[in-house]
Amino acid sequence: MTVTELPGLYTIFNACALLHIILGLILIKKGQRTAHVASMVIALLFSTAFLGCYLYYHYHAGHVRFAGTGWTRPLYFTILFTHIPLAILSLPMIIMTVVPALRHRYSRHKSMAKWTVPVWLYVSVTGIIVYLMCYVWYGPPIRA
């Protein structure tokens, strides 16, 4: 696998994490705590794999510029500029949600999850959209 193939791989990891977050929500709402934990652990593993590949890619590939033109540019940058700060914020939020669960402080876990889950879902979905816009629909990106 080459560095240029990593965006496709890390987007697959992101999509798998997204599916397990959704599955985890469904499972906890059905009262299936053990299955919920398993699904969320898998989501965390996929998210970790995503982050590792993403950082490795950008370390080696550097900055890439969006190649789209016209109305797609403001749309792309609107999505990107909401995605980036929330992606940065999501990591400490996820940690602040997981740690209480590990300590069996489920009321704290639940109260944090109400904030973390929507952010994590938004970041996952917009990450996939950013990938599609930058690398598939209007790509390949311009190397800066």
C-alpha atoms as a PDB file:
ATOM      1  CA  MET A   1       0.000   0.000   0.000  1.00  0.00           C
ATOM      2  CA  THR A   2       1.291   3.448  -0.874  1.00  0.00           C
ATOM      3  CA  VAL A   3       0.804   6.652   1.071  1.00  0.00           C
ATOM      4  CA  THR A   4      -1.570   7.939  -1.623  1.00  0.00           C
ATOM      5  CA  GLU A   5      -3.925   5.025  -0.921  1.00  0.00           C
ATOM      6  CA  LEU A   6      -4.232   5.832   2.793  1.00  0.00           C
ATOM      7  CA  PRO A   7      -7.139   8.324   2.519  1.00  0.00           C
ATOM      8  CA  GLY A   8      -9.348   5.550   1.137  1.00  0.00           C
ATOM      9  CA  LEU A   9      -8.284   3.196   3.922  1.00  0.00           C
ATOM     10  CA  TYR A  10      -8.715   5.675   6.751  1.00  0.00           C
ATOM     11  CA  THR A  11     -12.123   6.648   5.395  1.00  0.00           C
ATOM     12  CA  ILE A  12     -13.149   2.994   5.521  1.00  0.00           C
ATOM     13  CA  PHE A  13     -11.963   2.901   9.148  1.00  0.00           C
ATOM     14  CA  ASN A  14     -13.998   6.050   9.813  1.00  0.00           C
ATOM     15  CA  ALA A  15     -17.107   4.541   8.193  1.00  0.00           C
ATOM     16  CA  CYS A  16     -16.708   1.347  10.246  1.00  0.00           C
ATOM     17  CA  ALA A  17     -16.411   3.433  13.414  1.00  0.00           C
ATOM     18  CA  LEU A  18     -19.556   5.344  12.409  1.00  0.00           C
ATOM     19  CA  LEU A  19     -21.503   2.117  11.924  1.00  0.00           C
ATOM     20  CA  HIS A  20     -20.388   0.797  15.315  1.00  0.00           C
ATOM     21  CA  ILE A  21     -21.301   4.050  17.055  1.00  0.00           C
ATOM     22  CA  ILE A  22     -24.802   3.798  15.588  1.00  0.00           C
ATOM     23  CA  LEU A  23     -25.001   0.104  16.458  1.00  0.00           C
ATOM     24  CA  GLY A  24     -23.798   0.867  19.994  1.00  0.00           C
ATOM     25  CA  LEU A  25     -26.571   3.434  20.405  1.00  0.00           C
ATOM     26  CA  ILE A  26     -29.186   0.990  19.195  1.00  0.00           C
ATOM     27  CA  LEU A  27     -27.881  -1.725  21.510  1.00  0.00           C
ATOM     28  CA  ILE A  28     -27.861   0.440  24.643  1.00  0.00           C
ATOM     29  CA  LYS A  29     -31.377   1.673  23.894  1.00  0.00           C
ATOM     30  CA  LYS A  30     -32.439  -1.995  23.742  1.00  0.00           C
ATOM     31  CA  GLY A  31     -30.775  -2.594  27.119  1.00  0.00           C
ATOM     32  CA  GLN A  32     -28.032  -4.804  25.678  1.00  0.00           C
ATOM     33  CA  ARG A  33     -25.161  -3.367  27.722  1.00  0.00           C
ATOM     34  CA  THR A  34     -22.548  -6.058  26.944  1.00  0.00           C
ATOM     35  CA  ALA A  35     -23.159  -5.803  23.192  1.00  0.00           C
ATOM     36  CA  HIS A  36     -23.106  -2.000  23.489  1.00  0.00           C
ATOM     37  CA  VAL A  37     -19.698  -2.123  25.175  1.00  0.00           C
ATOM     38  CA  ALA A  38     -18.347  -4.457  22.482  1.00  0.00           C
ATOM     39  CA  SER A  39     -19.630  -2.251  19.681  1.00  0.00           C
ATOM     40  CA  MET A  40     -18.230   0.901  21.249  1.00  0.00           C
ATOM     41  CA  VAL A  41     -14.831  -0.741  21.820  1.00  0.00           C
ATOM     42  CA  ILE A  42     -14.796  -1.688  18.140  1.00  0.00           C
ATOM     43  CA  ALA A  43     -15.744   1.919  17.253  1.00  0.00           C
ATOM     44  CA  LEU A  44     -12.840   3.159  19.382  1.00  0.00           C
ATOM     45  CA  LEU A  45     -10.439   0.730  17.692  1.00  0.00           C
ATOM     46  CA  PHE A  46     -11.543   1.829  14.223  1.00  0.00           C
ATOM     47  CA  SER A  47     -11.280   5.484  15.266  1.00  0.00           C
ATOM     48  CA  THR A  48      -7.771   4.875  16.594  1.00  0.00           C
ATOM     49  CA  ALA A  49      -6.773   3.149  13.347  1.00  0.00           C
ATOM     50  CA  PHE A  50      -8.282   6.083  11.438  1.00  0.00           C
ATOM     51  CA  LEU A  51      -6.332   8.642  13.447  1.00  0.00           C
ATOM     52  CA  GLY A  52      -3.056   6.757  13.057  1.00  0.00           C
ATOM     53  CA  CYS A  53      -3.453   6.451   9.281  1.00  0.00           C
ATOM     54  CA  TYR A  54      -4.639  10.044   8.956  1.00  0.00           C
ATOM     55  CA  LEU A  55      -1.656  11.433  10.852  1.00  0.00           C
ATOM     56  CA  TYR A  56       0.796   9.172   8.981  1.00  0.00           C
ATOM     57  CA  TYR A  57      -0.687  10.226   5.637  1.00  0.00           C
ATOM     58  CA  HIS A  58      -0.520  13.945   6.346  1.00  0.00           C
ATOM     59  CA  TYR A  59       2.978  13.666   7.795  1.00  0.00           C
ATOM     60  CA  HIS A  60       4.174  12.088   4.536  1.00  0.00           C
ATOM     61  CA  ALA A  61       1.858  13.716   1.988  1.00  0.00           C
ATOM     62  CA  GLY A  62       1.797  17.158   3.553  1.00  0.00           C
ATOM     63  CA  HIS A  63      -0.968  19.634   2.983  1.00  0.00           C
ATOM     64  CA  VAL A  64      -3.438  18.969   0.178  1.00  0.00           C
ATOM     65  CA  ARG A  65      -5.646  21.590  -1.458  1.00  0.00           C
ATOM     66  CA  PHE A  66      -9.220  21.054  -2.589  1.00  0.00           C
ATOM     67  CA  ALA A  67      -9.403  20.895  -6.393  1.00  0.00           C
ATOM     68  CA  GLY A  68     -13.098  21.724  -6.752  1.00  0.00           C
ATOM     69  CA  THR A  69     -14.278  24.980  -8.300  1.00  0.00           C
ATOM     70  CA  GLY A  70     -17.365  27.165  -8.257  1.00  0.00           C
ATOM     71  CA  TRP A  71     -20.070  26.633  -5.652  1.00  0.00           C
ATOM     72  CA  THR A  72     -18.400  23.460  -4.381  1.00  0.00           C
ATOM     73  CA  ARG A  73     -15.549  25.440  -2.809  1.00  0.00           C
ATOM     74  CA  PRO A  74     -17.625  27.360  -0.229  1.00  0.00           C
ATOM     75  CA  LEU A  75     -19.623  24.198   0.501  1.00  0.00           C
ATOM     76  CA  TYR A  76     -16.439  22.155   1.016  1.00  0.00           C
ATOM     77  CA  PHE A  77     -14.821  24.772   3.234  1.00  0.00           C
ATOM     78  CA  THR A  78     -17.980  25.243   5.304  1.00  0.00           C
ATOM     79  CA  ILE A  79     -18.056  21.510   5.983  1.00  0.00           C
ATOM     80  CA  LEU A  80     -14.286  21.403   6.595  1.00  0.00           C
ATOM     81  CA  PHE A  81     -14.257  24.409   8.943  1.00  0.00           C
ATOM     82  CA  THR A  82     -16.972  22.867  11.106  1.00  0.00           C
ATOM     83  CA  HIS A  83     -15.384  19.420  10.901  1.00  0.00           C
ATOM     84  CA  ILE A  84     -11.855  20.369  12.017  1.00  0.00           C
ATOM     85  CA  PRO A  85     -12.562  22.014  15.405  1.00  0.00           C
ATOM     86  CA  LEU A  86     -15.154  19.393  16.283  1.00  0.00           C
ATOM     87  CA  ALA A  87     -12.731  16.610  15.306  1.00  0.00           C
ATOM     88  CA  ILE A  88     -10.130  18.115  17.623  1.00  0.00           C
ATOM     89  CA  LEU A  89     -12.704  18.502  20.394  1.00  0.00           C
ATOM     90  CA  SER A  90     -14.032  14.973  19.952  1.00  0.00           C
ATOM     91  CA  LEU A  91     -10.918  13.210  21.254  1.00  0.00           C
ATOM     92  CA  PRO A  92     -11.037  14.695  24.772  1.00  0.00           C
ATOM     93  CA  MET A  93     -14.818  14.331  24.755  1.00  0.00           C
ATOM     94  CA  ILE A  94     -14.528  10.629  23.910  1.00  0.00           C
ATOM     95  CA  ILE A  95     -11.977  10.149  26.679  1.00  0.00           C
ATOM     96  CA  MET A  96     -14.222  12.022  29.130  1.00  0.00           C
ATOM     97  CA  THR A  97     -17.065   9.681  28.143  1.00  0.00           C
ATOM     98  CA  VAL A  98     -15.141   6.405  28.241  1.00  0.00           C
ATOM     99  CA  VAL A  99     -13.298   6.924  31.540  1.00  0.00           C
ATOM    100  CA  PRO A 100     -16.470   7.162  33.682  1.00  0.00           C
ATOM    101  CA  ALA A 101     -17.793   3.997  32.007  1.00  0.00           C
ATOM    102  CA  LEU A 102     -14.562   2.187  32.860  1.00  0.00           C
ATOM    103  CA  ARG A 103     -14.988   3.345  36.461  1.00  0.00           C
ATOM    104  CA  HIS A 104     -18.621   2.148  36.486  1.00  0.00           C
ATOM    105  CA  ARG A 105     -19.908   5.708  36.867  1.00  0.00           C
ATOM    106  CA  TYR A 106     -22.695   5.189  34.391  1.00  0.00           C
ATOM    107  CA  SER A 107     -24.693   8.327  35.180  1.00  0.00           C
ATOM    108  CA  ARG A 108     -21.614  10.461  34.378  1.00  0.00           C
ATOM    109  CA  HIS A 109     -20.930   8.329  31.285  1.00  0.00           C
ATOM    110  CA  LYS A 110     -24.509   8.803  30.107  1.00  0.00           C
ATOM    111  CA  SER A 111     -24.490  12.575  30.691  1.00  0.00           C
ATOM    112  CA  MET A 112     -21.203  12.942  28.760  1.00  0.00           C
ATOM    113  CA  ALA A 113     -22.383  10.627  25.974  1.00  0.00           C
ATOM    114  CA  LYS A 114     -25.323  12.954  25.298  1.00  0.00           C
ATOM    115  CA  TRP A 115     -22.783  15.553  24.150  1.00  0.00           C
ATOM    116  CA  THR A 116     -20.089  13.285  22.766  1.00  0.00           C
ATOM    117  CA  VAL A 117     -22.182  11.052  20.520  1.00  0.00           C
ATOM    118  CA  PRO A 118     -23.665  13.825  18.341  1.00  0.00           C
ATOM    119  CA  VAL A 119     -20.208  15.399  17.915  1.00  0.00           C
ATOM    120  CA  TRP A 120     -18.588  12.037  17.123  1.00  0.00           C
ATOM    121  CA  LEU A 121     -21.351  11.202  14.617  1.00  0.00           C
ATOM    122  CA  TYR A 122     -21.056  14.625  12.958  1.00  0.00           C
ATOM    123  CA  VAL A 123     -17.274  14.357  12.721  1.00  0.00           C
ATOM    124  CA  SER A 124     -17.507  10.850  11.255  1.00  0.00           C
ATOM    125  CA  VAL A 125     -20.124  11.775   8.657  1.00  0.00           C
ATOM    126  CA  THR A 126     -18.450  15.036   7.642  1.00  0.00           C
ATOM    127  CA  GLY A 127     -15.080  13.261   7.484  1.00  0.00           C
ATOM    128  CA  ILE A 128     -16.514  10.875   4.904  1.00  0.00           C
ATOM    129  CA  ILE A 129     -18.020  13.793   2.984  1.00  0.00           C
ATOM    130  CA  VAL A 130     -14.699  15.681   3.043  1.00  0.00           C
ATOM    131  CA  TYR A 131     -12.937  12.589   1.697  1.00  0.00           C
ATOM    132  CA  LEU A 132     -15.496  12.122  -1.083  1.00  0.00           C
ATOM    133  CA  MET A 133     -15.347  15.785  -2.075  1.00  0.00           C
ATOM    134  CA  CYS A 134     -11.571  16.059  -1.924  1.00  0.00           C
ATOM    135  CA  TYR A 135     -10.480  12.686  -3.314  1.00  0.00           C
ATOM    136  CA  VAL A 136     -13.380  11.242  -5.318  1.00  0.00           C
ATOM    137  CA  TRP A 137     -15.900  13.767  -6.633  1.00  0.00           C
ATOM    138  CA  TYR A 138     -13.589  16.751  -7.259  1.00  0.00           C
ATOM    139  CA  GLY A 139     -10.178  15.148  -6.868  1.00  0.00           C
ATOM    140  CA  PRO A 140      -7.487  14.292  -6.871  1.00  0.00           C
ATOM    141  CA  PRO A 141      -6.412  17.058  -4.500  1.00  0.00           C
ATOM    142  CA  ILE A 142      -3.649  19.458  -5.414  1.00  0.00           C
ATOM    143  CA  ARG A 143      -0.443  18.853  -3.482  1.00  0.00           C
ATOM    144  CA  ALA A 144       0.665  22.070  -1.815  1.00  0.00           C
END
